[in-house]
Amino acid sequence: MKNLLVLSIFILASNLQAQHMELPYHQIPDYPEDYGSGNVVARMIDGLGFRFYWATEGLTQKDLDYKVSEDGRTIFETLQHIYGMSEMIKNAPESKPNVRPMNLSELTYKDLREGTLKNLQAASQAMAGATADDFKDFKVIFQRGENQTPYPYWNMINGMLSDCIYHAGQITMMRRASGNPINPKVSVFNGRLRE
């Protein structure tokens, strides 16, 4: 009986570890071999993914409901906002239209977190190896009804990509204020947990 209990605990721990590791950006991927334009943008996306992973790891309902002021966003609303932008970051290399408005009301914290991380991973992979000439074909396209408004990838860099980094920092600050700071071993410089 004791062996069965030990085996059950081992299997449960292994399953939890596998679930924990299956999301991207627990640590930042190895860096590319060269500083080509696509690789630089991919690395920026990876840096965002790492920050977002740890900013959102282990949030409680209290954290998700927290907001700094009455007219501010909650952490959960900030997660929805970042998710929407992660869709745009993923769509830009394919010049895929971003249909507005987006309905995110059915997505849970788990859905938003997992979806954002997977969107960022897909975007990074799409950007890796892209050349400067390739960027001419990458568009940020907003679509409302039949109307489409395209923008060059430059707007993605100073817009959604930078905005997501900004909001990941807000989540880090807000969760600290709500009493649940991020793991103190997170090293954004190294893209790993400190030992």
N, C-alpha and C. Protein backbone atom coordinates (compact mmCIF):
# COMPACT_ATOMS: atom_id res chain seq x y z
N MET A 1 0.83 -1.20 0.00
CA MET A 1 0.00 0.00 0.00
C MET A 1 0.88 1.27 0.00
N LYS A 2 1.94 1.21 0.80
CA LYS A 2 2.84 2.36 0.88
C LYS A 2 3.49 2.62 -0.48
N ASN A 3 3.89 1.55 -1.18
CA ASN A 3 4.51 1.69 -2.50
C ASN A 3 3.53 2.30 -3.50
N LEU A 4 2.26 1.93 -3.40
CA LEU A 4 1.24 2.48 -4.29
C LEU A 4 1.07 3.98 -4.05
N LEU A 5 1.10 4.39 -2.78
CA LEU A 5 0.98 5.80 -2.44
C LEU A 5 2.18 6.59 -2.98
N VAL A 6 3.38 6.05 -2.82
CA VAL A 6 4.59 6.71 -3.32
C VAL A 6 4.53 6.81 -4.84
N LEU A 7 4.11 5.73 -5.50
CA LEU A 7 3.99 5.74 -6.96
C LEU A 7 2.96 6.77 -7.42
N SER A 8 1.84 6.84 -6.73
CA SER A 8 0.79 7.81 -7.08
C SER A 8 1.29 9.24 -6.95
N ILE A 9 2.01 9.52 -5.87
CA ILE A 9 2.56 10.87 -5.67
C ILE A 9 3.59 11.18 -6.75
N PHE A 10 4.43 10.22 -7.12
CA PHE A 10 5.41 10.43 -8.17
C PHE A 10 4.74 10.72 -9.51
N ILE A 11 3.71 9.97 -9.86
CA ILE A 11 2.98 10.18 -11.12
C ILE A 11 2.32 11.55 -11.12
N LEU A 12 1.68 11.92 -10.01
CA LEU A 12 1.04 13.23 -9.92
C LEU A 12 2.07 14.35 -10.07
N ALA A 13 3.19 14.22 -9.39
CA ALA A 13 4.24 15.24 -9.49
C ALA A 13 4.79 15.32 -10.91
N SER A 14 4.97 14.17 -11.56
CA SER A 14 5.45 14.16 -12.94
C SER A 14 4.46 14.82 -13.89
N ASN A 15 3.17 14.54 -13.70
CA ASN A 15 2.14 15.17 -14.54
C ASN A 15 2.10 16.67 -14.34
N LEU A 16 2.20 17.11 -13.09
CA LEU A 16 2.21 18.56 -12.83
C LEU A 16 3.43 19.22 -13.45
N GLN A 17 4.58 18.56 -13.34
CA GLN A 17 5.80 19.11 -13.94
C GLN A 17 5.67 19.16 -15.46
N ALA A 18 5.12 18.13 -16.07
CA ALA A 18 4.95 18.10 -17.53
C ALA A 18 4.01 19.20 -17.97
N GLN A 19 2.92 19.42 -17.22
CA GLN A 19 1.99 20.50 -17.57
C GLN A 19 2.68 21.85 -17.44
N HIS A 20 3.48 21.99 -16.39
CA HIS A 20 4.19 23.25 -16.15
C HIS A 20 5.19 23.52 -17.27
N MET A 21 5.87 22.48 -17.74
CA MET A 21 6.91 22.65 -18.73
C MET A 21 6.37 22.75 -20.16
N GLU A 22 5.13 22.36 -20.36
CA GLU A 22 4.66 22.36 -21.74
C GLU A 22 4.37 23.76 -22.27
N LEU A 23 4.15 24.73 -21.41
CA LEU A 23 3.97 26.10 -21.88
C LEU A 23 5.33 26.69 -22.26
N PRO A 24 5.37 27.41 -23.37
CA PRO A 24 6.65 28.02 -23.75
C PRO A 24 7.04 29.16 -22.81
N TYR A 25 8.32 29.44 -22.78
CA TYR A 25 8.93 30.60 -22.12
C TYR A 25 9.14 30.46 -20.63
N HIS A 26 9.13 29.22 -20.11
CA HIS A 26 9.58 29.01 -18.74
C HIS A 26 11.00 29.54 -18.61
N GLN A 27 11.75 29.38 -19.68
CA GLN A 27 13.05 30.03 -19.82
C GLN A 27 13.17 30.48 -21.27
N ILE A 28 14.01 31.46 -21.48
CA ILE A 28 14.15 32.00 -22.83
C ILE A 28 14.93 31.00 -23.69
N PRO A 29 14.54 30.83 -24.95
CA PRO A 29 15.28 29.90 -25.81
C PRO A 29 16.72 30.37 -26.05
N ASP A 30 17.55 29.45 -26.50
CA ASP A 30 18.91 29.83 -26.87
C ASP A 30 18.86 30.91 -27.94
N TYR A 31 19.85 31.80 -27.90
CA TYR A 31 19.83 32.88 -28.88
C TYR A 31 20.28 32.39 -30.24
N PRO A 32 19.85 33.12 -31.29
CA PRO A 32 20.20 32.73 -32.66
C PRO A 32 21.70 32.88 -32.92
N GLU A 33 22.12 32.35 -34.05
CA GLU A 33 23.54 32.40 -34.42
C GLU A 33 23.96 33.75 -34.95
N ASP A 34 23.02 34.53 -35.48
CA ASP A 34 23.40 35.83 -36.04
C ASP A 34 22.39 36.90 -35.63
N TYR A 35 22.78 38.13 -35.88
CA TYR A 35 21.95 39.28 -35.52
C TYR A 35 21.13 39.78 -36.71
N GLY A 36 20.67 38.87 -37.54
CA GLY A 36 19.81 39.26 -38.66
C GLY A 36 18.54 39.91 -38.14
N SER A 37 17.92 40.74 -38.96
CA SER A 37 16.76 41.52 -38.53
C SER A 37 15.63 40.66 -37.99
N GLY A 38 15.33 39.55 -38.64
CA GLY A 38 14.26 38.67 -38.16
C GLY A 38 14.61 38.04 -36.82
N ASN A 39 15.89 37.66 -36.67
CA ASN A 39 16.31 37.07 -35.41
C ASN A 39 16.26 38.07 -34.26
N VAL A 40 16.57 39.32 -34.52
CA VAL A 40 16.51 40.34 -33.48
C VAL A 40 15.05 40.53 -33.01
N VAL A 41 14.13 40.62 -33.96
CA VAL A 41 12.72 40.76 -33.58
C VAL A 41 12.23 39.50 -32.87
N ALA A 42 12.64 38.33 -33.35
CA ALA A 42 12.25 37.08 -32.69
C ALA A 42 12.73 37.07 -31.24
N ARG A 43 13.95 37.57 -31.03
CA ARG A 43 14.50 37.60 -29.66
C ARG A 43 13.73 38.60 -28.79
N MET A 44 13.29 39.70 -29.36
CA MET A 44 12.46 40.64 -28.60
C MET A 44 11.15 39.96 -28.18
N ILE A 45 10.57 39.20 -29.09
CA ILE A 45 9.34 38.48 -28.78
C ILE A 45 9.61 37.43 -27.70
N ASP A 46 10.73 36.74 -27.80
CA ASP A 46 11.09 35.76 -26.77
C ASP A 46 11.27 36.42 -25.41
N GLY A 47 11.89 37.60 -25.39
CA GLY A 47 12.05 38.34 -24.13
C GLY A 47 10.70 38.69 -23.53
N LEU A 48 9.77 39.11 -24.37
CA LEU A 48 8.41 39.39 -23.92
C LEU A 48 7.78 38.11 -23.38
N GLY A 49 7.93 37.00 -24.11
CA GLY A 49 7.34 35.73 -23.67
C GLY A 49 7.84 35.32 -22.30
N PHE A 50 9.14 35.45 -22.06
CA PHE A 50 9.71 35.11 -20.76
C PHE A 50 9.16 36.01 -19.66
N ARG A 51 9.12 37.30 -19.91
CA ARG A 51 8.57 38.24 -18.92
C ARG A 51 7.10 37.94 -18.64
N PHE A 52 6.34 37.69 -19.70
CA PHE A 52 4.91 37.41 -19.53
C PHE A 52 4.70 36.10 -18.77
N TYR A 53 5.48 35.09 -19.10
CA TYR A 53 5.35 33.80 -18.41
C TYR A 53 5.44 34.00 -16.90
N TRP A 54 6.49 34.69 -16.46
CA TRP A 54 6.71 34.83 -15.02
C TRP A 54 5.82 35.89 -14.40
N ALA A 55 5.43 36.91 -15.14
CA ALA A 55 4.49 37.90 -14.60
C ALA A 55 3.14 37.27 -14.32
N THR A 56 2.78 36.23 -15.09
CA THR A 56 1.44 35.63 -14.97
C THR A 56 1.45 34.27 -14.29
N GLU A 57 2.60 33.76 -13.92
CA GLU A 57 2.69 32.45 -13.27
C GLU A 57 2.10 32.52 -11.86
N GLY A 58 1.12 31.65 -11.58
CA GLY A 58 0.59 31.53 -10.22
C GLY A 58 -0.31 32.66 -9.77
N LEU A 59 -0.97 33.34 -10.68
CA LEU A 59 -1.89 34.39 -10.27
C LEU A 59 -3.10 33.78 -9.57
N THR A 60 -3.57 34.45 -8.54
CA THR A 60 -4.76 34.02 -7.81
C THR A 60 -5.95 34.86 -8.27
N GLN A 61 -7.14 34.46 -7.84
CA GLN A 61 -8.33 35.25 -8.18
C GLN A 61 -8.21 36.66 -7.61
N LYS A 62 -7.63 36.76 -6.42
CA LYS A 62 -7.41 38.09 -5.81
C LYS A 62 -6.54 38.95 -6.72
N ASP A 63 -5.49 38.35 -7.28
CA ASP A 63 -4.61 39.08 -8.20
C ASP A 63 -5.37 39.48 -9.46
N LEU A 64 -6.11 38.54 -10.03
CA LEU A 64 -6.82 38.80 -11.29
C LEU A 64 -7.82 39.94 -11.14
N ASP A 65 -8.40 40.09 -9.97
CA ASP A 65 -9.39 41.14 -9.71
C ASP A 65 -8.76 42.47 -9.31
N TYR A 66 -7.45 42.46 -9.04
CA TYR A 66 -6.77 43.66 -8.53
C TYR A 66 -6.64 44.73 -9.61
N LYS A 67 -6.89 45.96 -9.20
CA LYS A 67 -6.59 47.11 -10.05
C LYS A 67 -6.14 48.25 -9.16
N VAL A 68 -5.31 49.12 -9.71
CA VAL A 68 -4.69 50.19 -8.94
C VAL A 68 -5.70 51.27 -8.55
N SER A 69 -6.64 51.56 -9.45
CA SER A 69 -7.63 52.60 -9.19
C SER A 69 -8.98 52.18 -9.77
N GLU A 70 -10.01 52.87 -9.39
CA GLU A 70 -11.36 52.54 -9.86
C GLU A 70 -11.47 52.54 -11.38
N ASP A 71 -10.81 53.48 -12.04
CA ASP A 71 -10.94 53.56 -13.50
C ASP A 71 -9.83 52.81 -14.24
N GLY A 72 -8.98 52.10 -13.50
CA GLY A 72 -7.92 51.32 -14.14
C GLY A 72 -8.38 49.92 -14.52
N ARG A 73 -7.54 49.24 -15.28
CA ARG A 73 -7.81 47.85 -15.65
C ARG A 73 -7.42 46.91 -14.52
N THR A 74 -8.16 45.81 -14.40
CA THR A 74 -7.73 44.74 -13.50
C THR A 74 -6.61 43.97 -14.19
N ILE A 75 -5.95 43.12 -13.42
CA ILE A 75 -4.94 42.26 -14.03
C ILE A 75 -5.59 41.39 -15.09
N PHE A 76 -6.79 40.87 -14.82
CA PHE A 76 -7.46 40.03 -15.80
C PHE A 76 -7.75 40.80 -17.08
N GLU A 77 -8.21 42.02 -16.97
CA GLU A 77 -8.47 42.84 -18.17
C GLU A 77 -7.17 43.14 -18.92
N THR A 78 -6.08 43.29 -18.18
CA THR A 78 -4.77 43.50 -18.81
C THR A 78 -4.35 42.24 -19.57
N LEU A 79 -4.63 41.07 -19.01
CA LEU A 79 -4.35 39.81 -19.70
C LEU A 79 -5.15 39.72 -21.01
N GLN A 80 -6.40 40.15 -20.98
CA GLN A 80 -7.21 40.15 -22.20
C GLN A 80 -6.60 41.07 -23.25
N HIS A 81 -6.17 42.24 -22.82
CA HIS A 81 -5.56 43.21 -23.72
C HIS A 81 -4.28 42.65 -24.35
N ILE A 82 -3.43 42.04 -23.53
CA ILE A 82 -2.18 41.46 -24.04
C ILE A 82 -2.49 40.31 -25.00
N TYR A 83 -3.47 39.50 -24.68
CA TYR A 83 -3.83 38.39 -25.56
C TYR A 83 -4.21 38.92 -26.95
N GLY A 84 -5.05 39.95 -26.97
CA GLY A 84 -5.45 40.52 -28.25
C GLY A 84 -4.26 41.02 -29.05
N MET A 85 -3.31 41.65 -28.38
CA MET A 85 -2.10 42.12 -29.08
C MET A 85 -1.21 40.97 -29.51
N SER A 86 -1.18 39.88 -28.72
CA SER A 86 -0.36 38.72 -29.11
C SER A 86 -0.90 38.08 -30.39
N GLU A 87 -2.21 38.16 -30.59
CA GLU A 87 -2.81 37.69 -31.84
C GLU A 87 -2.28 38.53 -33.01
N MET A 88 -2.20 39.84 -32.80
CA MET A 88 -1.70 40.73 -33.85
C MET A 88 -0.22 40.49 -34.13
N ILE A 89 0.56 40.25 -33.08
CA ILE A 89 1.99 39.97 -33.24
C ILE A 89 2.16 38.68 -34.05
N LYS A 90 1.32 37.70 -33.77
CA LYS A 90 1.37 36.42 -34.51
C LYS A 90 0.93 36.60 -35.96
N ASN A 91 -0.06 37.45 -36.21
CA ASN A 91 -0.64 37.59 -37.56
C ASN A 91 0.22 38.42 -38.51
N ALA A 92 1.03 39.31 -37.99
CA ALA A 92 1.76 40.26 -38.84
C ALA A 92 2.70 39.60 -39.86
N PRO A 93 3.48 38.58 -39.51
CA PRO A 93 4.37 38.00 -40.52
C PRO A 93 3.62 37.39 -41.71
N GLU A 94 2.37 37.03 -41.50
CA GLU A 94 1.55 36.47 -42.59
C GLU A 94 0.64 37.54 -43.20
N SER A 95 0.72 38.76 -42.70
CA SER A 95 -0.17 39.84 -43.12
C SER A 95 -1.64 39.41 -43.03
N LYS A 96 -1.94 38.69 -41.97
CA LYS A 96 -3.30 38.19 -41.72
C LYS A 96 -4.10 39.29 -41.02
N PRO A 97 -5.29 39.62 -41.52
CA PRO A 97 -6.09 40.69 -40.91
C PRO A 97 -6.48 40.38 -39.46
N ASN A 98 -6.51 41.42 -38.66
CA ASN A 98 -6.96 41.34 -37.28
C ASN A 98 -8.39 41.88 -37.24
N VAL A 99 -9.35 40.98 -37.16
CA VAL A 99 -10.75 41.36 -37.22
C VAL A 99 -11.17 41.96 -35.89
N ARG A 100 -11.77 43.11 -35.96
CA ARG A 100 -12.25 43.84 -34.79
C ARG A 100 -13.74 44.01 -34.86
N PRO A 101 -14.44 44.04 -33.74
CA PRO A 101 -13.92 43.84 -32.38
C PRO A 101 -13.71 42.36 -32.08
N MET A 102 -12.83 42.09 -31.11
CA MET A 102 -12.57 40.72 -30.66
C MET A 102 -13.47 40.43 -29.46
N ASN A 103 -13.99 39.22 -29.38
CA ASN A 103 -14.77 38.81 -28.22
C ASN A 103 -13.92 37.88 -27.37
N LEU A 104 -13.47 38.36 -26.23
CA LEU A 104 -12.61 37.57 -25.35
C LEU A 104 -13.33 37.17 -24.07
N SER A 105 -14.62 37.43 -23.99
CA SER A 105 -15.36 37.25 -22.74
C SER A 105 -15.41 35.79 -22.27
N GLU A 106 -15.27 34.85 -23.16
CA GLU A 106 -15.38 33.44 -22.78
C GLU A 106 -14.03 32.85 -22.34
N LEU A 107 -12.94 33.58 -22.53
CA LEU A 107 -11.62 33.06 -22.21
C LEU A 107 -11.31 33.20 -20.73
N THR A 108 -10.77 32.14 -20.15
CA THR A 108 -10.38 32.15 -18.74
C THR A 108 -8.94 32.63 -18.60
N TYR A 109 -8.51 32.80 -17.37
CA TYR A 109 -7.11 33.15 -17.09
C TYR A 109 -6.18 32.13 -17.75
N LYS A 110 -6.49 30.85 -17.57
CA LYS A 110 -5.65 29.79 -18.16
C LYS A 110 -5.64 29.90 -19.69
N ASP A 111 -6.80 30.14 -20.29
CA ASP A 111 -6.89 30.28 -21.75
C ASP A 111 -6.05 31.46 -22.24
N LEU A 112 -6.19 32.60 -21.56
CA LEU A 112 -5.48 33.81 -21.97
C LEU A 112 -3.97 33.63 -21.83
N ARG A 113 -3.55 33.05 -20.72
CA ARG A 113 -2.12 32.86 -20.48
C ARG A 113 -1.52 31.90 -21.50
N GLU A 114 -2.13 30.75 -21.64
CA GLU A 114 -1.64 29.75 -22.58
C GLU A 114 -1.69 30.26 -24.02
N GLY A 115 -2.79 30.89 -24.39
CA GLY A 115 -2.94 31.41 -25.75
C GLY A 115 -1.91 32.47 -26.07
N THR A 116 -1.66 33.36 -25.12
CA THR A 116 -0.67 34.42 -25.33
C THR A 116 0.71 33.83 -25.52
N LEU A 117 1.10 32.91 -24.64
CA LEU A 117 2.43 32.30 -24.74
C LEU A 117 2.61 31.54 -26.06
N LYS A 118 1.59 30.82 -26.47
CA LYS A 118 1.68 30.08 -27.73
C LYS A 118 1.67 31.02 -28.94
N ASN A 119 0.91 32.10 -28.86
CA ASN A 119 0.93 33.10 -29.95
C ASN A 119 2.33 33.71 -30.08
N LEU A 120 2.94 34.05 -28.95
CA LEU A 120 4.27 34.65 -28.98
C LEU A 120 5.30 33.67 -29.53
N GLN A 121 5.19 32.41 -29.14
CA GLN A 121 6.12 31.40 -29.65
C GLN A 121 5.97 31.26 -31.17
N ALA A 122 4.73 31.23 -31.65
CA ALA A 122 4.49 31.11 -33.10
C ALA A 122 5.03 32.34 -33.84
N ALA A 123 4.84 33.52 -33.25
CA ALA A 123 5.34 34.75 -33.87
C ALA A 123 6.86 34.75 -33.93
N SER A 124 7.50 34.33 -32.85
CA SER A 124 8.97 34.27 -32.82
C SER A 124 9.48 33.32 -33.89
N GLN A 125 8.87 32.16 -33.99
CA GLN A 125 9.29 31.19 -34.99
C GLN A 125 9.09 31.72 -36.40
N ALA A 126 8.00 32.47 -36.62
CA ALA A 126 7.75 33.04 -37.95
C ALA A 126 8.77 34.12 -38.30
N MET A 127 9.26 34.84 -37.30
CA MET A 127 10.19 35.93 -37.55
C MET A 127 11.64 35.46 -37.67
N ALA A 128 11.96 34.35 -37.03
CA ALA A 128 13.35 33.85 -37.03
C ALA A 128 13.83 33.64 -38.46
N GLY A 129 14.97 34.22 -38.77
CA GLY A 129 15.56 34.06 -40.09
C GLY A 129 15.05 35.02 -41.15
N ALA A 130 14.03 35.82 -40.82
CA ALA A 130 13.52 36.78 -41.80
C ALA A 130 14.60 37.81 -42.14
N THR A 131 14.60 38.23 -43.38
CA THR A 131 15.57 39.23 -43.83
C THR A 131 14.92 40.61 -43.81
N ALA A 132 15.73 41.63 -43.95
CA ALA A 132 15.20 43.00 -44.01
C ALA A 132 14.19 43.14 -45.14
N ASP A 133 14.45 42.52 -46.27
CA ASP A 133 13.51 42.58 -47.40
C ASP A 133 12.17 41.92 -47.07
N ASP A 134 12.20 40.86 -46.26
CA ASP A 134 10.96 40.17 -45.88
C ASP A 134 10.01 41.10 -45.13
N PHE A 135 10.57 42.02 -44.35
CA PHE A 135 9.74 42.91 -43.53
C PHE A 135 8.81 43.77 -44.37
N LYS A 136 9.16 44.01 -45.62
CA LYS A 136 8.30 44.82 -46.49
C LYS A 136 6.95 44.14 -46.70
N ASP A 137 6.92 42.81 -46.59
CA ASP A 137 5.69 42.05 -46.80
C ASP A 137 4.91 41.81 -45.51
N PHE A 138 5.51 42.11 -44.36
CA PHE A 138 4.83 41.90 -43.08
C PHE A 138 3.96 43.12 -42.80
N LYS A 139 2.69 42.90 -42.61
CA LYS A 139 1.77 44.02 -42.39
C LYS A 139 0.93 43.78 -41.15
N VAL A 140 0.62 44.87 -40.46
CA VAL A 140 -0.37 44.87 -39.40
C VAL A 140 -1.65 45.37 -40.06
N ILE A 141 -2.63 44.50 -40.13
CA ILE A 141 -3.88 44.86 -40.83
C ILE A 141 -5.04 44.79 -39.86
N PHE A 142 -5.74 45.91 -39.72
CA PHE A 142 -6.96 45.96 -38.92
C PHE A 142 -8.15 45.84 -39.86
N GLN A 143 -9.11 45.02 -39.47
CA GLN A 143 -10.29 44.85 -40.30
C GLN A 143 -11.55 45.03 -39.45
N ARG A 144 -12.41 45.93 -39.92
CA ARG A 144 -13.75 46.12 -39.34
C ARG A 144 -14.73 45.98 -40.48
N GLY A 145 -15.56 44.95 -40.39
CA GLY A 145 -16.44 44.68 -41.51
C GLY A 145 -15.62 44.34 -42.73
N GLU A 146 -15.87 45.04 -43.81
CA GLU A 146 -15.12 44.81 -45.06
C GLU A 146 -13.92 45.75 -45.19
N ASN A 147 -13.82 46.72 -44.31
CA ASN A 147 -12.74 47.72 -44.40
C ASN A 147 -11.46 47.21 -43.74
N GLN A 148 -10.35 47.29 -44.49
CA GLN A 148 -9.04 46.92 -43.97
C GLN A 148 -8.11 48.13 -43.99
N THR A 149 -7.36 48.26 -42.89
CA THR A 149 -6.37 49.33 -42.80
C THR A 149 -5.01 48.69 -42.52
N PRO A 150 -4.08 48.71 -43.50
CA PRO A 150 -2.76 48.10 -43.29
C PRO A 150 -1.73 49.11 -42.77
N TYR A 151 -0.80 48.59 -41.98
CA TYR A 151 0.33 49.38 -41.47
C TYR A 151 1.59 48.56 -41.66
N PRO A 152 2.74 49.22 -41.80
CA PRO A 152 4.00 48.48 -41.92
C PRO A 152 4.40 47.85 -40.58
N TYR A 153 5.33 46.91 -40.62
CA TYR A 153 5.77 46.21 -39.41
C TYR A 153 6.39 47.16 -38.39
N TRP A 154 6.87 48.30 -38.83
CA TRP A 154 7.40 49.30 -37.89
C TRP A 154 6.40 49.58 -36.78
N ASN A 155 5.12 49.67 -37.14
CA ASN A 155 4.09 49.97 -36.15
C ASN A 155 3.94 48.83 -35.14
N MET A 156 4.25 47.62 -35.55
CA MET A 156 4.21 46.48 -34.62
C MET A 156 5.28 46.64 -33.55
N ILE A 157 6.48 47.08 -33.97
CA ILE A 157 7.59 47.19 -33.02
C ILE A 157 7.30 48.26 -31.97
N ASN A 158 6.94 49.45 -32.41
CA ASN A 158 6.69 50.51 -31.43
C ASN A 158 5.27 50.44 -30.85
N GLY A 159 4.41 49.64 -31.46
CA GLY A 159 3.04 49.51 -30.99
C GLY A 159 2.87 48.29 -30.10
N MET A 160 2.34 47.23 -30.66
CA MET A 160 1.94 46.07 -29.88
C MET A 160 3.09 45.41 -29.12
N LEU A 161 4.22 45.23 -29.77
CA LEU A 161 5.33 44.55 -29.11
C LEU A 161 5.81 45.34 -27.88
N SER A 162 6.03 46.63 -28.06
CA SER A 162 6.46 47.46 -26.93
C SER A 162 5.36 47.58 -25.88
N ASP A 163 4.11 47.66 -26.33
CA ASP A 163 2.99 47.79 -25.40
C ASP A 163 2.85 46.54 -24.53
N CYS A 164 3.04 45.36 -25.11
CA CYS A 164 2.95 44.12 -24.33
C CYS A 164 4.04 44.05 -23.26
N ILE A 165 5.25 44.49 -23.60
CA ILE A 165 6.33 44.51 -22.62
C ILE A 165 5.95 45.45 -21.47
N TYR A 166 5.42 46.59 -21.82
CA TYR A 166 4.96 47.58 -20.84
C TYR A 166 3.90 46.97 -19.91
N HIS A 167 2.91 46.28 -20.49
CA HIS A 167 1.83 45.71 -19.69
C HIS A 167 2.29 44.51 -18.86
N ALA A 168 3.26 43.75 -19.33
CA ALA A 168 3.81 42.67 -18.51
C ALA A 168 4.43 43.26 -17.24
N GLY A 169 5.07 44.40 -17.38
CA GLY A 169 5.62 45.10 -16.22
C GLY A 169 4.52 45.59 -15.28
N GLN A 170 3.42 46.04 -15.84
CA GLN A 170 2.29 46.46 -15.00
C GLN A 170 1.75 45.29 -14.19
N ILE A 171 1.62 44.13 -14.83
CA ILE A 171 1.13 42.95 -14.10
C ILE A 171 2.08 42.61 -12.96
N THR A 172 3.38 42.68 -13.23
CA THR A 172 4.37 42.40 -12.19
C THR A 172 4.19 43.36 -11.02
N MET A 173 3.99 44.63 -11.31
CA MET A 173 3.80 45.63 -10.26
C MET A 173 2.49 45.41 -9.52
N MET A 174 1.40 45.16 -10.27
CA MET A 174 0.09 45.01 -9.62
C MET A 174 0.03 43.75 -8.76
N ARG A 175 0.63 42.66 -9.20
CA ARG A 175 0.57 41.45 -8.38
C ARG A 175 1.40 41.63 -7.11
N ARG A 176 2.47 42.41 -7.19
CA ARG A 176 3.25 42.71 -5.98
C ARG A 176 2.38 43.51 -5.01
N ALA A 177 1.65 44.48 -5.54
CA ALA A 177 0.77 45.31 -4.71
C ALA A 177 -0.37 44.50 -4.11
N SER A 178 -0.81 43.44 -4.79
CA SER A 178 -1.90 42.62 -4.27
C SER A 178 -1.39 41.54 -3.32
N GLY A 179 -0.07 41.49 -3.11
CA GLY A 179 0.50 40.58 -2.12
C GLY A 179 1.06 39.28 -2.68
N ASN A 180 1.24 39.19 -4.00
CA ASN A 180 1.73 37.95 -4.61
C ASN A 180 2.84 38.28 -5.62
N PRO A 181 4.03 38.68 -5.13
CA PRO A 181 5.10 39.07 -6.06
C PRO A 181 5.58 37.88 -6.90
N ILE A 182 6.23 38.21 -8.03
CA ILE A 182 6.76 37.14 -8.90
C ILE A 182 7.90 36.42 -8.19
N ASN A 183 8.24 35.28 -8.73
CA ASN A 183 9.33 34.47 -8.22
C ASN A 183 10.60 35.34 -8.16
N PRO A 184 11.22 35.48 -6.99
CA PRO A 184 12.41 36.33 -6.87
C PRO A 184 13.64 35.79 -7.60
N LYS A 185 13.57 34.55 -8.08
CA LYS A 185 14.70 33.97 -8.79
C LYS A 185 14.69 34.28 -10.28
N VAL A 186 13.66 34.99 -10.77
CA VAL A 186 13.57 35.31 -12.19
C VAL A 186 14.69 36.28 -12.57
N SER A 187 15.46 35.92 -13.58
CA SER A 187 16.51 36.80 -14.11
C SER A 187 16.17 37.10 -15.56
N VAL A 188 15.62 38.30 -15.82
CA VAL A 188 15.28 38.65 -17.19
C VAL A 188 16.54 38.85 -18.03
N PHE A 189 17.65 39.19 -17.40
CA PHE A 189 18.90 39.35 -18.14
C PHE A 189 19.36 38.02 -18.73
N ASN A 190 19.30 36.98 -17.92
CA ASN A 190 19.74 35.65 -18.37
C ASN A 190 18.62 34.82 -18.97
N GLY A 191 17.38 35.23 -18.75
CA GLY A 191 16.25 34.47 -19.28
C GLY A 191 16.08 33.12 -18.60
N ARG A 192 16.45 33.05 -17.34
CA ARG A 192 16.38 31.80 -16.57
C ARG A 192 16.04 32.15 -15.12
N LEU A 193 15.74 31.11 -14.36
CA LEU A 193 15.64 31.28 -12.91
C LEU A 193 17.04 31.18 -12.33
N ARG A 194 17.34 32.06 -11.38
CA ARG A 194 18.63 31.97 -10.68
C ARG A 194 18.62 30.74 -9.79
N GLU A 195 19.78 30.16 -9.61
CA GLU A 195 19.86 28.96 -8.74
C GLU A 195 20.06 29.36 -7.31
